[in-house]
């Protein structure tokens, strides 16, 4: 018998499988455990599944944003281009099938798919292309890997700070509902709607959008309080 919320669970599973390659193992493991628990529990509610999506989404957010920013940098793109320039057409086509979805070739090489999808000769060709590309950039492989790790960690820290700032704004909006019982439900609903943006199946929460809601409800509540005083 299918789960009552099978469609939502399928979205959850697809999103977990698409976590960026540099997502910490503990986050991926926790996400799979949550999915398994919910999938086995036919009594699990839509709200419980949504909360799990939000929980995982907030955790993976800084790593996803850092990964995208890292792979979009000029140096990363030049490295990938230099590697592709050294590959035979058939091998290049196989690699591009992965990288066109945002996965950097270096992360693909470090994944299980690299072993599964390419023959030993093809893997050797890719590995040699990487070594030559490193030489072209006048860097040793170990030095580049170290720099890449440091850069990624710096970007993760930046995006963690961004996540905390955005969540603080959502919490600020939630707290505004305590000022007036008349508006409490509406404000709480709006805050929860914005918070759903953390879900790994939804669009990320937007700081500007949240600030506009705070500004709007601040004006509404101020007007209500003024009318009471009059």
Foldseek 3Di string as FASTA:
>chain_A
DAQPPNVLLVLLVVLLVPQALPQDPVLSVVSVVLSVVQRVDSPDDPVSSLVSLLVSLLSSQLLVVLLQVLCPDPVNVLLQVQLLVQADPVLSVVQCVPCVVPHRSVSVLVDPVVVVVDDPVSNVSSVVSNCVSCVVVVHHPVVVVVVSVVSSVVSSVVVNVVSVVQVVLLVVQQVLLVLDVVCNVVSNVVSVVLSSCSRSSHPHRDSVVSVVSVVVVVVVSVVVVVVVVD
